[in-house]
Amino acid sequence: MEISGDQQSLSSQIKIESVERRTANYKPNIWNYCLLQSLKSKYDEEEYRRQVETLKREVSCIFDEVNDPVAKLELIDCISKLALSHYFEKDISGTLNTMVNVSNFGSCMEENLYHAALYFRILRQYGYEISQDVFLCFTDDVGEFKTSAHLDAKPVLQLLEASYLGMESDYLLDTAQVFAIENLRANHEIFSLVCPLHLSVEWFNVKKHIHVHEKENKTRSMLLQLGKLNFNMAQAQQQKDLKETLRWWRNLDLSETLIFTRDRVVESFLWAVGVVSEPQHESLRKWLTKVIMFILIIDDVYDIYGSKEELECFTHAVNRWNHTEIQQLPEAIRRCFCALYDTTNDMDLQIQQEKGWNSVLSYLKKGWADFCHALHVEAKWYHTGYTPRLWEYLDNGWISSSGPLLSLVVLFGVGQDITKTIEILENNQEIIYYSSLIIRLCNDQGTSTAELERGDAPSSILCYMREANVTEEEARDHIRNIITNLWKKINGLCINGSPNLLQTNVKYIINIARVANFIYQKGDGFSVQDGDTRAQVLSCLIEPFPLI
């Protein structure tokens, strides 16, 4: 007996309706989009741009005025903490090149722990190959750091910060880190290092650093004024970008259909700002926000909404980039695919128009296909009740982290020449791999508790718990150790790389991992918005610095 087209459609509809849909019980969006659309800033006016140019010239003169090498290092450190390094690249490189080229310059730092640690940290931060041996004179015969009753917090904190720029072979820096933490905890109640500078999102800390420097009253007022103006002007552009992105999200009209997923446009935009804050990268921030939103939506499709058969179909559709694959899927998944398809094609056209490039759609399609394939692998583990070994989980998880996809979009956004951009992409796969693993593992640290309660696919923590027969806390410690070693691998690649990778577009890839560290350091900053994530949105995107 022949089955008519109507009967087939009815049969498919019955199958769709009979699927038992899971829910993550995400909290609703906390932001009033209408209020955000009303944000205005005066700091996009020409008079402020003129003020910035004047202040830049005045700050640049300080490099010639200051002769003391420690004072110059502190100046560079302050400029970096205020996210102003891009204004003074020639001044900074000229100063540091002079330091490293002067014979025995490092030896003059060895008499003072603060000086040695600052010198080491700044040079490593800017990609110079400086040896950990600068700290040998502060150790005893067995390689332990010498303790002193008169050692105050400042040099120890500087040593601690320096230790996070270690490479895998830098065992002395491991000893330095243990010494610094133990010393600060024992002797200084003020000690509270939530996140070291090297692992932090530079832009998220600008306000904090300005407040600290104002309290100390040692920093030149023109530098602090430049930091405040630069922040407010960047924020003015970011507010425009956010409002445009919110209009895009509203026009997609997905919220009512995709009720199972998270409405997190503002948080996604915050992630984009953490990766690239400079005003000239407004297109990239919007592209990145859109990609992150679809990463969240598609992750929820695979994790909690789609059936085994639906996910198989959706994965094939993304791989073939073809609408005909999705006709029998439920409306929510169809709408998701169509919106992803249109947004990605639009992004490709915008890249072509803005940069004069040929189409990069093949790269974007492959990025999405690889991401969905990795999510599909995890979904199959869930549906079959399979728990992989940790290495097997991570072999797939670095791609399901979305790191490779985000890295691709970031490089396309900041790149000027398509040939050089593809070359950077191909030559830095190790850094993309390690950064992606950090994203995956930070995500697992922040989300695994809720996912365990929901019975989601296994995370790295659960995989290791079952593989090594250990407690959750022991597994978390193991994952933290892996993350620490991954940062060392990244440091090694950047510091030993040529050219200096920390001062190229590769730094934006590493920023993706830094934002992941922030978002997940106290839990799931995406799903639960009303903690540090909310505070950072207010500080970064809404509240300007008051200027007299």
Protein backbone atom coordinates (compact mmCIF):
# COMPACT_ATOMS: atom_id res chain seq x y z
CA MET A 1 0.00 0.00 0.00
CA GLU A 2 1.37 3.39 -1.05
CA ILE A 3 1.69 6.06 1.63
CA SER A 4 0.74 9.54 0.49
CA GLY A 5 2.92 12.64 1.11
CA ASP A 6 0.34 13.93 3.62
CA GLN A 7 0.44 10.64 5.54
CA GLN A 8 4.28 10.74 5.64
CA SER A 9 4.18 14.31 6.93
CA LEU A 10 1.60 13.34 9.58
CA SER A 11 3.74 10.36 10.59
CA SER A 12 6.81 12.58 10.96
CA GLN A 13 4.80 15.09 13.00
CA ILE A 14 3.61 12.35 15.38
CA LYS A 15 7.23 11.18 15.82
CA ILE A 16 8.36 14.73 16.58
CA GLU A 17 5.58 15.28 19.10
CA SER A 18 6.31 11.97 20.81
CA VAL A 19 9.95 12.89 21.55
CA GLU A 20 10.43 13.58 25.24
CA ARG A 21 12.22 16.94 25.42
CA ARG A 22 14.63 17.63 28.26
CA THR A 23 15.10 21.00 29.92
CA ALA A 24 18.07 22.68 31.57
CA ASN A 25 15.87 25.10 33.54
CA TYR A 26 18.07 28.02 32.60
CA LYS A 27 17.40 31.32 34.31
CA PRO A 28 15.68 33.90 32.09
CA ASN A 29 17.59 36.78 30.57
CA ILE A 30 18.13 39.54 33.16
CA TRP A 31 18.68 42.47 30.79
CA ASN A 32 16.09 44.96 29.55
CA TYR A 33 16.96 45.24 25.88
CA CYS A 34 14.89 48.41 25.43
CA LEU A 35 16.89 50.15 28.15
CA LEU A 36 20.16 48.98 26.60
CA GLN A 37 19.01 50.40 23.26
CA SER A 38 18.67 53.79 24.95
CA LEU A 39 22.34 53.91 26.04
CA LYS A 40 24.12 57.07 24.92
CA SER A 41 27.66 58.31 25.34
CA LYS A 42 29.24 61.69 24.66
CA TYR A 43 32.68 60.11 24.33
CA ASP A 44 32.38 59.45 20.61
CA GLU A 45 32.71 63.20 19.92
CA GLU A 46 35.72 64.67 18.14
CA GLU A 47 36.91 66.77 21.08
CA TYR A 48 37.73 63.60 23.07
CA ARG A 49 39.70 62.14 20.18
CA ARG A 50 41.78 65.32 20.09
CA GLN A 51 42.38 65.06 23.84
CA VAL A 52 43.57 61.48 23.44
CA GLU A 53 46.06 62.46 20.73
CA THR A 54 47.47 65.21 22.96
CA LEU A 55 47.79 62.85 25.93
CA LYS A 56 49.45 60.17 23.79
CA ARG A 57 52.17 62.64 22.80
CA GLU A 58 52.69 63.67 26.42
CA VAL A 59 52.92 60.07 27.65
CA SER A 60 55.31 59.16 24.83
CA CYS A 61 57.65 61.90 26.07
CA ILE A 62 57.85 60.20 29.48
CA PHE A 63 59.91 57.39 27.93
CA ASP A 64 62.68 59.92 27.18
CA GLU A 65 62.35 61.71 30.52
CA VAL A 66 62.64 58.60 32.70
CA ASN A 67 66.16 57.23 33.09
CA ASP A 68 65.76 54.73 35.91
CA PRO A 69 65.24 51.26 34.36
CA VAL A 70 62.86 50.11 37.11
CA ALA A 71 60.75 53.25 36.64
CA LYS A 72 60.62 52.52 32.89
CA LEU A 73 59.49 48.95 33.56
CA GLU A 74 56.80 50.25 35.93
CA LEU A 75 55.69 52.72 33.24
CA ILE A 76 55.36 49.90 30.69
CA ASP A 77 53.54 47.79 33.29
CA CYS A 78 51.07 50.60 33.98
CA ILE A 79 50.49 51.22 30.27
CA SER A 80 49.77 47.51 29.81
CA LYS A 81 47.38 47.34 32.77
CA LEU A 82 45.43 50.31 31.38
CA ALA A 83 45.16 48.55 27.98
CA LEU A 84 47.14 51.31 26.24
CA SER A 85 50.04 49.25 24.85
CA HIS A 86 48.82 49.54 21.26
CA TYR A 87 49.41 53.31 21.42
CA PHE A 88 53.05 52.98 22.46
CA GLU A 89 54.32 49.89 20.65
CA LYS A 90 57.46 51.65 19.31
CA ASP A 91 58.29 53.24 22.67
CA ILE A 92 57.87 49.94 24.51
CA SER A 93 59.81 47.81 22.03
CA GLY A 94 62.60 50.40 21.86
CA THR A 95 62.90 50.49 25.66
CA LEU A 96 62.88 46.71 26.07
CA ASN A 97 65.27 46.13 23.18
CA THR A 98 67.72 48.52 24.80
CA MET A 99 67.44 46.66 28.10
CA VAL A 100 68.04 43.20 26.66
CA ASN A 101 70.88 44.38 24.42
CA VAL A 102 72.83 46.06 27.23
CA SER A 103 75.50 43.70 28.49
CA ASN A 104 74.81 42.34 31.98
CA PHE A 105 71.68 44.50 32.32
CA GLY A 106 69.78 41.66 34.02
CA SER A 107 72.50 41.24 36.64
CA CYS A 108 71.78 44.68 38.06
CA MET A 109 68.27 43.45 38.88
CA GLU A 110 69.48 40.51 40.93
CA GLU A 111 69.97 42.43 44.17
CA ASN A 112 66.26 43.14 44.57
CA LEU A 113 63.48 40.53 44.27
CA TYR A 114 60.86 43.08 43.21
CA HIS A 115 63.14 44.45 40.47
CA ALA A 116 64.08 40.99 39.21
CA ALA A 117 60.49 39.75 39.16
CA LEU A 118 59.19 42.88 37.41
CA TYR A 119 62.01 42.73 34.84
CA PHE A 120 61.35 39.03 34.17
CA ARG A 121 57.56 39.40 33.95
CA ILE A 122 57.54 42.41 31.62
CA LEU A 123 60.11 40.92 29.24
CA ARG A 124 58.32 37.54 29.13
CA GLN A 125 54.98 39.33 28.68
CA TYR A 126 56.33 41.01 25.58
CA GLY A 127 57.79 37.77 24.25
CA TYR A 128 61.48 38.09 25.11
CA GLU A 129 63.47 34.96 25.90
CA ILE A 130 64.66 35.76 29.42
CA SER A 131 65.89 32.90 31.58
CA GLN A 132 64.41 31.87 34.90
CA ASP A 133 68.01 31.99 36.17
CA VAL A 134 67.50 35.65 37.16
CA PHE A 135 65.94 34.20 40.33
CA LEU A 136 68.78 31.83 41.26
CA CYS A 137 70.43 34.37 43.56
CA PHE A 138 67.28 34.37 45.71
CA THR A 139 67.47 30.61 46.34
CA ASP A 140 69.54 28.55 48.79
CA ASP A 141 71.80 25.56 48.15
CA VAL A 142 68.86 23.17 47.66
CA GLY A 143 66.97 25.46 45.27
CA GLU A 144 64.40 26.78 47.75
CA PHE A 145 63.64 30.50 47.92
CA LYS A 146 65.17 32.21 50.93
CA THR A 147 62.70 33.45 53.52
CA SER A 148 63.08 36.71 55.39
CA ALA A 149 61.17 38.30 58.22
CA HIS A 150 61.52 41.65 56.45
CA LEU A 151 60.12 40.49 53.10
CA ASP A 152 56.98 42.53 52.43
CA ALA A 153 54.10 41.69 50.13
CA LYS A 154 55.11 43.77 47.10
CA PRO A 155 58.10 41.73 45.85
CA VAL A 156 56.41 38.43 46.69
CA LEU A 157 53.29 39.39 44.74
CA GLN A 158 55.50 40.40 41.80
CA LEU A 159 57.27 37.04 42.01
CA LEU A 160 53.94 35.25 42.05
CA GLU A 161 52.74 37.13 38.96
CA ALA A 162 56.03 36.37 37.19
CA SER A 163 55.69 32.65 37.92
CA TYR A 164 52.61 32.39 35.68
CA LEU A 165 54.75 33.16 32.62
CA GLY A 166 56.70 29.96 33.06
CA MET A 167 57.32 27.35 30.40
CA GLU A 168 57.31 23.58 30.91
CA SER A 169 61.06 23.49 31.61
CA ASP A 170 60.93 26.34 34.14
CA TYR A 171 60.94 24.26 37.33
CA LEU A 172 62.38 27.15 39.34
CA LEU A 173 59.23 29.15 38.62
CA ASP A 174 57.10 26.30 40.01
CA THR A 175 59.13 26.58 43.22
CA ALA A 176 58.72 30.37 43.13
CA GLN A 177 54.94 30.05 42.85
CA VAL A 178 54.66 27.69 45.81
CA PHE A 179 56.97 29.91 47.88
CA ALA A 180 55.04 33.09 47.00
CA ILE A 181 51.62 31.64 47.79
CA GLU A 182 52.76 30.14 51.09
CA ASN A 183 54.53 33.35 52.11
CA LEU A 184 51.58 35.59 51.29
CA ARG A 185 49.10 33.35 53.06
CA ALA A 186 51.25 33.10 56.16
CA ASN A 187 52.33 36.73 56.47
CA HIS A 188 49.84 38.90 54.65
CA GLU A 189 46.13 38.65 55.35
CA ILE A 190 45.44 40.90 52.39
CA PHE A 191 46.42 38.14 49.98
CA SER A 192 43.64 37.35 47.53
CA LEU A 193 44.78 36.61 44.00
CA VAL A 194 41.59 35.51 42.24
CA CYS A 195 43.29 35.42 38.85
CA PRO A 196 46.90 36.28 37.94
CA LEU A 197 47.50 39.05 35.41
CA HIS A 198 48.77 36.72 32.70
CA LEU A 199 45.57 34.65 32.75
CA SER A 200 43.23 37.65 33.17
CA VAL A 201 41.24 39.55 30.56
CA GLU A 202 43.17 42.82 30.26
CA TRP A 203 40.15 44.95 29.38
CA PHE A 204 38.02 43.67 32.25
CA ASN A 205 40.59 44.94 34.79
CA VAL A 206 41.28 48.43 33.45
CA LYS A 207 38.97 50.21 35.92
CA LYS A 208 40.39 48.28 38.86
CA HIS A 209 43.96 49.16 37.91
CA ILE A 210 43.12 52.85 37.48
CA HIS A 211 41.57 52.92 40.97
CA VAL A 212 44.66 51.20 42.42
CA HIS A 213 47.06 53.66 40.76
CA GLU A 214 44.96 56.63 41.90
CA LYS A 215 45.14 55.39 45.50
CA GLU A 216 48.91 54.94 45.33
CA ASN A 217 49.23 58.45 43.86
CA LYS A 218 52.51 57.56 42.12
CA THR A 219 51.35 57.41 38.52
CA ARG A 220 51.47 60.51 36.34
CA SER A 221 48.03 62.07 36.05
CA MET A 222 48.24 62.35 32.25
CA LEU A 223 48.60 58.55 31.97
CA LEU A 224 45.57 57.91 34.18
CA GLN A 225 43.59 60.54 32.27
CA LEU A 226 44.50 58.81 29.00
CA GLY A 227 43.43 55.46 30.48
CA LYS A 228 40.04 56.85 31.49
CA LEU A 229 39.43 58.61 28.20
CA ASN A 230 40.49 55.59 26.18
CA PHE A 231 38.16 53.36 28.22
CA ASN A 232 35.19 55.70 27.80
CA MET A 233 35.75 56.15 24.06
CA ALA A 234 36.07 52.41 23.53
CA GLN A 235 32.95 51.86 25.63
CA ALA A 236 31.03 54.37 23.47
CA GLN A 237 31.85 52.34 20.34
CA GLN A 238 31.06 49.08 22.14
CA GLN A 239 27.65 50.40 23.14
CA LYS A 240 26.88 51.12 19.48
CA ASP A 241 28.02 47.61 18.58
CA LEU A 242 25.87 46.09 21.33
CA LYS A 243 22.76 47.98 20.24
CA GLU A 244 23.23 46.86 16.64
CA THR A 245 23.71 43.26 17.77
CA LEU A 246 20.55 43.43 19.91
CA ARG A 247 18.59 44.63 16.86
CA TRP A 248 19.95 41.65 14.89
CA TRP A 249 18.84 39.27 17.65
CA ARG A 250 15.39 40.82 17.86
CA ASN A 251 14.95 40.60 14.07
CA LEU A 252 15.89 36.90 14.13
CA ASP A 253 12.86 36.38 16.37
CA LEU A 254 14.07 33.07 17.78
CA SER A 255 13.34 33.55 21.48
CA GLU A 256 9.73 32.37 21.33
CA THR A 257 10.58 29.28 19.28
CA LEU A 258 13.82 28.24 20.99
CA ILE A 259 12.41 28.25 24.52
CA PHE A 260 14.82 25.49 25.62
CA THR A 261 17.97 27.55 25.11
CA ARG A 262 19.68 30.54 26.74
CA ASP A 263 19.01 34.13 25.69
CA ARG A 264 22.49 35.47 26.39
CA VAL A 265 23.23 38.15 23.78
CA VAL A 266 24.70 40.58 26.31
CA GLU A 267 26.97 37.96 27.86
CA SER A 268 28.06 36.80 24.40
CA PHE A 269 28.91 40.39 23.50
CA LEU A 270 30.88 40.75 26.74
CA TRP A 271 32.95 37.70 25.69
CA ALA A 272 33.62 39.38 22.33
CA VAL A 273 34.73 42.60 24.06
CA GLY A 274 37.08 40.59 26.28
CA VAL A 275 38.69 39.08 23.20
CA VAL A 276 39.03 42.33 21.23
CA SER A 277 38.23 45.67 22.85
CA GLU A 278 39.79 48.16 20.44
CA PRO A 279 37.23 50.51 18.79
CA GLN A 280 38.39 49.72 15.23
CA HIS A 281 37.30 46.08 15.55
CA GLU A 282 33.57 46.74 15.78
CA SER A 283 32.69 44.32 12.96
CA LEU A 284 34.59 41.49 14.61
CA ARG A 285 32.82 42.05 17.94
CA LYS A 286 29.45 41.75 16.19
CA TRP A 287 30.49 38.67 14.19
CA LEU A 288 31.94 37.03 17.28
CA THR A 289 28.81 37.72 19.33
CA LYS A 290 26.62 36.14 16.68
CA VAL A 291 28.85 33.08 16.47
CA ILE A 292 28.87 32.69 20.28
CA MET A 293 25.08 32.94 20.38
CA PHE A 294 24.75 30.13 17.84
CA ILE A 295 27.35 28.09 19.72
CA LEU A 296 25.15 28.33 22.83
CA ILE A 297 21.95 27.52 20.93
CA ILE A 298 23.42 24.58 19.02
CA ASP A 299 25.09 23.27 22.18
CA ASP A 300 21.64 23.20 23.81
CA VAL A 301 20.14 21.50 20.74
CA TYR A 302 22.64 18.65 21.11
CA ASP A 303 22.73 18.58 24.92
CA ILE A 304 19.07 18.81 25.87
CA TYR A 305 16.61 19.18 22.99
CA GLY A 306 17.28 16.99 19.98
CA SER A 307 16.56 13.28 19.73
CA LYS A 308 19.18 10.87 18.46
CA GLU A 309 17.63 10.81 14.97
CA GLU A 310 17.14 14.59 14.83
CA LEU A 311 20.75 15.25 15.77
CA GLU A 312 21.95 12.86 13.09
CA CYS A 313 19.90 14.77 10.53
CA PHE A 314 20.98 18.20 11.81
CA THR A 315 24.66 17.20 11.73
CA HIS A 316 24.34 16.05 8.11
CA ALA A 317 22.56 19.30 7.19
CA VAL A 318 25.33 21.48 8.63
CA ASN A 319 27.99 19.32 7.01
CA ARG A 320 26.34 19.62 3.60
CA TRP A 321 25.12 23.21 4.21
CA ASN A 322 21.80 22.24 2.69
CA HIS A 323 18.23 23.20 3.66
CA THR A 324 16.70 20.08 2.14
CA GLU A 325 18.20 17.95 4.92
CA ILE A 326 16.07 19.57 7.64
CA GLN A 327 12.51 19.46 6.32
CA GLN A 328 11.38 16.67 8.66
CA LEU A 329 12.92 18.25 11.78
CA PRO A 330 10.89 20.10 14.43
CA GLU A 331 10.37 23.83 13.87
CA ALA A 332 12.84 24.87 16.56
CA ILE A 333 15.73 22.99 14.93
CA ARG A 334 14.70 24.11 11.44
CA ARG A 335 14.64 27.75 12.57
CA CYS A 336 18.02 27.31 14.21
CA PHE A 337 19.61 25.92 11.04
CA CYS A 338 18.07 28.56 8.77
CA ALA A 339 19.23 31.39 11.05
CA LEU A 340 22.74 29.90 11.25
CA TYR A 341 22.81 29.48 7.46
CA ASP A 342 21.70 33.05 6.74
CA THR A 343 23.90 34.66 9.41
CA THR A 344 27.02 32.79 8.27
CA ASN A 345 26.43 33.64 4.60
CA ASP A 346 25.85 37.30 5.55
CA MET A 347 29.06 37.30 7.58
CA ASP A 348 31.00 35.98 4.59
CA LEU A 349 29.59 38.77 2.38
CA GLN A 350 30.48 41.40 4.99
CA ILE A 351 34.05 40.10 5.21
CA GLN A 352 34.35 40.27 1.42
CA GLN A 353 32.94 43.82 1.28
CA GLU A 354 34.95 45.22 4.21
CA LYS A 355 38.30 43.59 3.45
CA GLY A 356 38.18 43.10 -0.31
CA TRP A 357 38.80 39.37 0.12
CA ASN A 358 37.47 36.42 -1.83
CA SER A 359 34.81 34.34 -0.09
CA VAL A 360 35.83 32.61 3.15
CA LEU A 361 32.53 30.69 3.36
CA SER A 362 34.25 27.32 2.87
CA TYR A 363 36.31 27.94 6.04
CA LEU A 364 33.27 29.06 8.02
CA LYS A 365 31.19 26.07 6.88
CA LYS A 366 33.96 23.67 7.85
CA GLY A 367 34.28 25.37 11.23
CA TRP A 368 30.58 24.84 11.94
CA ALA A 369 30.60 21.30 10.52
CA ASP A 370 33.54 20.29 12.74
CA PHE A 371 31.89 21.86 15.80
CA CYS A 372 28.58 20.08 15.20
CA HIS A 373 30.32 16.78 14.51
CA ALA A 374 32.12 17.01 17.86
CA LEU A 375 28.85 17.80 19.65
CA HIS A 376 27.25 14.86 17.87
CA VAL A 377 29.97 12.53 19.17
CA GLU A 378 29.22 13.69 22.73
CA ALA A 379 25.48 13.27 22.15
CA LYS A 380 26.03 9.68 20.99
CA TRP A 381 28.02 9.02 24.16
CA TYR A 382 25.06 10.29 26.16
CA HIS A 383 22.45 8.26 24.25
CA THR A 384 24.48 5.05 24.56
CA GLY A 385 25.51 5.64 28.19
CA TYR A 386 29.19 5.54 27.24
CA THR A 387 31.84 7.27 29.37
CA PRO A 388 35.09 7.79 27.41
CA ARG A 389 38.55 7.85 28.93
CA LEU A 390 39.87 11.37 29.52
CA TRP A 391 42.21 11.36 26.52
CA GLU A 392 39.36 10.25 24.24
CA TYR A 393 37.08 12.93 25.66
CA LEU A 394 39.69 15.67 25.12
CA ASP A 395 40.54 14.42 21.62
CA ASN A 396 36.99 15.40 20.70
CA GLY A 397 36.44 18.07 23.37
CA TRP A 398 38.95 20.61 22.09
CA ILE A 399 36.73 20.95 19.00
CA SER A 400 33.41 20.88 20.90
CA SER A 401 34.81 23.71 23.05
CA SER A 402 34.23 25.94 19.98
CA GLY A 403 37.84 27.17 20.25
CA PRO A 404 38.82 26.35 16.64
CA LEU A 405 35.67 28.03 15.31
CA LEU A 406 36.13 31.15 17.45
CA SER A 407 39.82 31.34 16.53
CA LEU A 408 38.90 31.22 12.84
CA VAL A 409 36.41 34.09 13.17
CA VAL A 410 38.84 36.14 15.27
CA LEU A 411 41.66 35.79 12.74
CA PHE A 412 39.34 36.73 9.88
CA GLY A 413 38.17 39.74 11.90
CA VAL A 414 41.59 41.18 12.78
CA GLY A 415 43.39 40.10 9.60
CA GLN A 416 44.18 42.56 6.84
CA ASP A 417 45.53 40.21 4.17
CA ILE A 418 43.80 36.91 3.43
CA THR A 419 47.02 35.07 2.49
CA LYS A 420 48.79 36.12 5.70
CA THR A 421 45.69 35.34 7.76
CA ILE A 422 45.45 31.79 6.42
CA GLU A 423 49.19 31.42 7.03
CA ILE A 424 48.78 32.50 10.68
CA LEU A 425 45.86 30.08 11.01
CA GLU A 426 47.84 27.15 9.62
CA ASN A 427 51.10 27.94 11.46
CA ASN A 428 49.50 28.30 14.89
CA GLN A 429 47.39 25.18 15.17
CA GLU A 430 49.21 24.17 18.38
CA ILE A 431 48.21 27.41 20.12
CA ILE A 432 44.64 27.02 18.88
CA TYR A 433 44.64 23.44 20.16
CA TYR A 434 45.97 24.32 23.63
CA SER A 435 43.71 27.38 23.94
CA SER A 436 40.72 25.27 22.91
CA LEU A 437 41.55 22.66 25.54
CA ILE A 438 41.67 25.41 28.17
CA ILE A 439 38.23 26.60 27.05
CA ARG A 440 36.91 23.03 27.24
CA LEU A 441 38.35 22.34 30.69
CA CYS A 442 37.40 25.73 32.18
CA ASN A 443 33.88 25.17 30.87
CA ASP A 444 33.79 21.74 32.49
CA GLN A 445 35.02 23.12 35.82
CA GLY A 446 32.20 25.68 35.81
CA THR A 447 29.32 23.62 34.43
CA SER A 448 29.92 19.99 35.43
CA THR A 449 27.96 20.12 38.70
CA ALA A 450 24.76 21.26 36.97
CA GLU A 451 25.36 18.87 34.08
CA LEU A 452 25.81 15.94 36.47
CA GLU A 453 22.49 16.82 38.11
CA ARG A 454 20.78 16.92 34.70
CA GLY A 455 22.44 13.70 33.59
CA ASP A 456 24.11 15.30 30.57
CA ALA A 457 26.92 13.75 28.53
CA PRO A 458 30.05 13.15 30.64
CA SER A 459 32.50 16.02 31.21
CA SER A 460 36.25 15.77 31.70
CA ILE A 461 35.69 15.66 35.46
CA LEU A 462 33.31 12.71 35.33
CA CYS A 463 35.52 10.92 32.79
CA TYR A 464 38.51 11.15 35.08
CA MET A 465 36.49 10.26 38.20
CA ARG A 466 35.43 6.97 36.60
CA GLU A 467 38.74 6.28 34.86
CA ALA A 468 40.94 6.84 37.96
CA ASN A 469 38.30 5.92 40.57
CA VAL A 470 38.75 9.24 42.41
CA THR A 471 36.47 11.79 44.08
CA GLU A 472 35.08 14.83 42.28
CA GLU A 473 37.50 17.16 44.11
CA GLU A 474 40.48 14.98 43.18
CA ALA A 475 39.32 15.01 39.57
CA ARG A 476 38.98 18.79 39.67
CA ASP A 477 42.53 19.11 41.00
CA HIS A 478 43.76 16.92 38.16
CA ILE A 479 41.96 19.08 35.58
CA ARG A 480 43.37 22.25 37.16
CA ASN A 481 46.86 20.79 36.82
CA ILE A 482 46.23 20.06 33.14
CA ILE A 483 45.08 23.67 32.61
CA THR A 484 48.23 24.95 34.33
CA ASN A 485 50.40 22.83 32.03
CA LEU A 486 48.50 24.00 28.95
CA TRP A 487 49.28 27.62 29.83
CA LYS A 488 52.95 26.65 30.12
CA LYS A 489 52.81 25.10 26.65
CA ILE A 490 51.25 28.30 25.25
CA ASN A 491 53.90 30.41 27.00
CA GLY A 492 56.64 28.26 25.49
CA LEU A 493 55.26 28.57 21.96
CA CYS A 494 54.82 32.33 22.27
CA ILE A 495 58.13 33.14 23.93
CA ASN A 496 60.17 30.86 21.67
CA GLY A 497 58.19 31.80 18.59
CA SER A 498 59.35 34.00 15.75
CA PRO A 499 58.01 36.59 15.27
CA ASN A 500 56.99 37.44 18.82
CA LEU A 501 53.56 35.77 18.88
CA LEU A 502 52.36 37.68 21.95
CA GLN A 503 52.48 40.86 19.89
CA THR A 504 50.73 39.50 16.77
CA ASN A 505 47.13 38.60 16.01
CA VAL A 506 47.73 35.31 17.81
CA LYS A 507 47.23 37.21 21.11
CA TYR A 508 43.52 37.45 20.32
CA ILE A 509 43.27 33.66 20.14
CA ILE A 510 44.83 33.44 23.60
CA ASN A 511 42.34 36.07 24.79
CA ILE A 512 39.52 33.61 24.02
CA ALA A 513 40.97 31.26 26.63
CA ARG A 514 41.35 34.14 29.09
CA VAL A 515 37.68 35.06 28.76
CA ALA A 516 36.72 31.40 29.28
CA ASN A 517 38.77 31.45 32.47
CA PHE A 518 36.81 34.52 33.65
CA ILE A 519 33.37 33.23 32.65
CA TYR A 520 33.77 29.86 34.37
CA GLN A 521 36.13 30.59 37.29
CA LYS A 522 33.27 30.77 39.82
CA GLY A 523 30.71 28.56 38.10
CA ASP A 524 28.75 28.91 34.87
CA GLY A 525 28.84 32.62 34.12
CA PHE A 526 26.64 32.13 31.04
CA SER A 527 23.79 30.17 32.56
CA VAL A 528 23.86 32.13 35.86
CA GLN A 529 24.28 35.77 34.89
CA ASP A 530 23.75 37.61 38.15
CA GLY A 531 27.24 37.26 39.65
CA ASP A 532 30.59 38.42 38.29
CA THR A 533 29.26 38.38 34.73
CA ARG A 534 26.56 40.94 35.53
CA ALA A 535 29.05 43.13 37.41
CA GLN A 536 31.44 43.02 34.46
CA VAL A 537 28.68 43.95 31.98
CA LEU A 538 27.80 46.98 34.08
CA SER A 539 31.43 48.01 34.49
CA CYS A 540 32.57 47.40 30.92
CA LEU A 541 29.56 48.21 28.80
CA ILE A 542 27.28 50.54 30.73
CA GLU A 543 29.08 52.67 33.34
CA PRO A 544 31.70 55.13 31.99
CA PHE A 545 34.57 56.46 34.05
CA PRO A 546 33.59 59.78 35.68
CA LEU A 547 35.89 62.51 34.37
CA ILE A 548 36.36 65.87 36.04
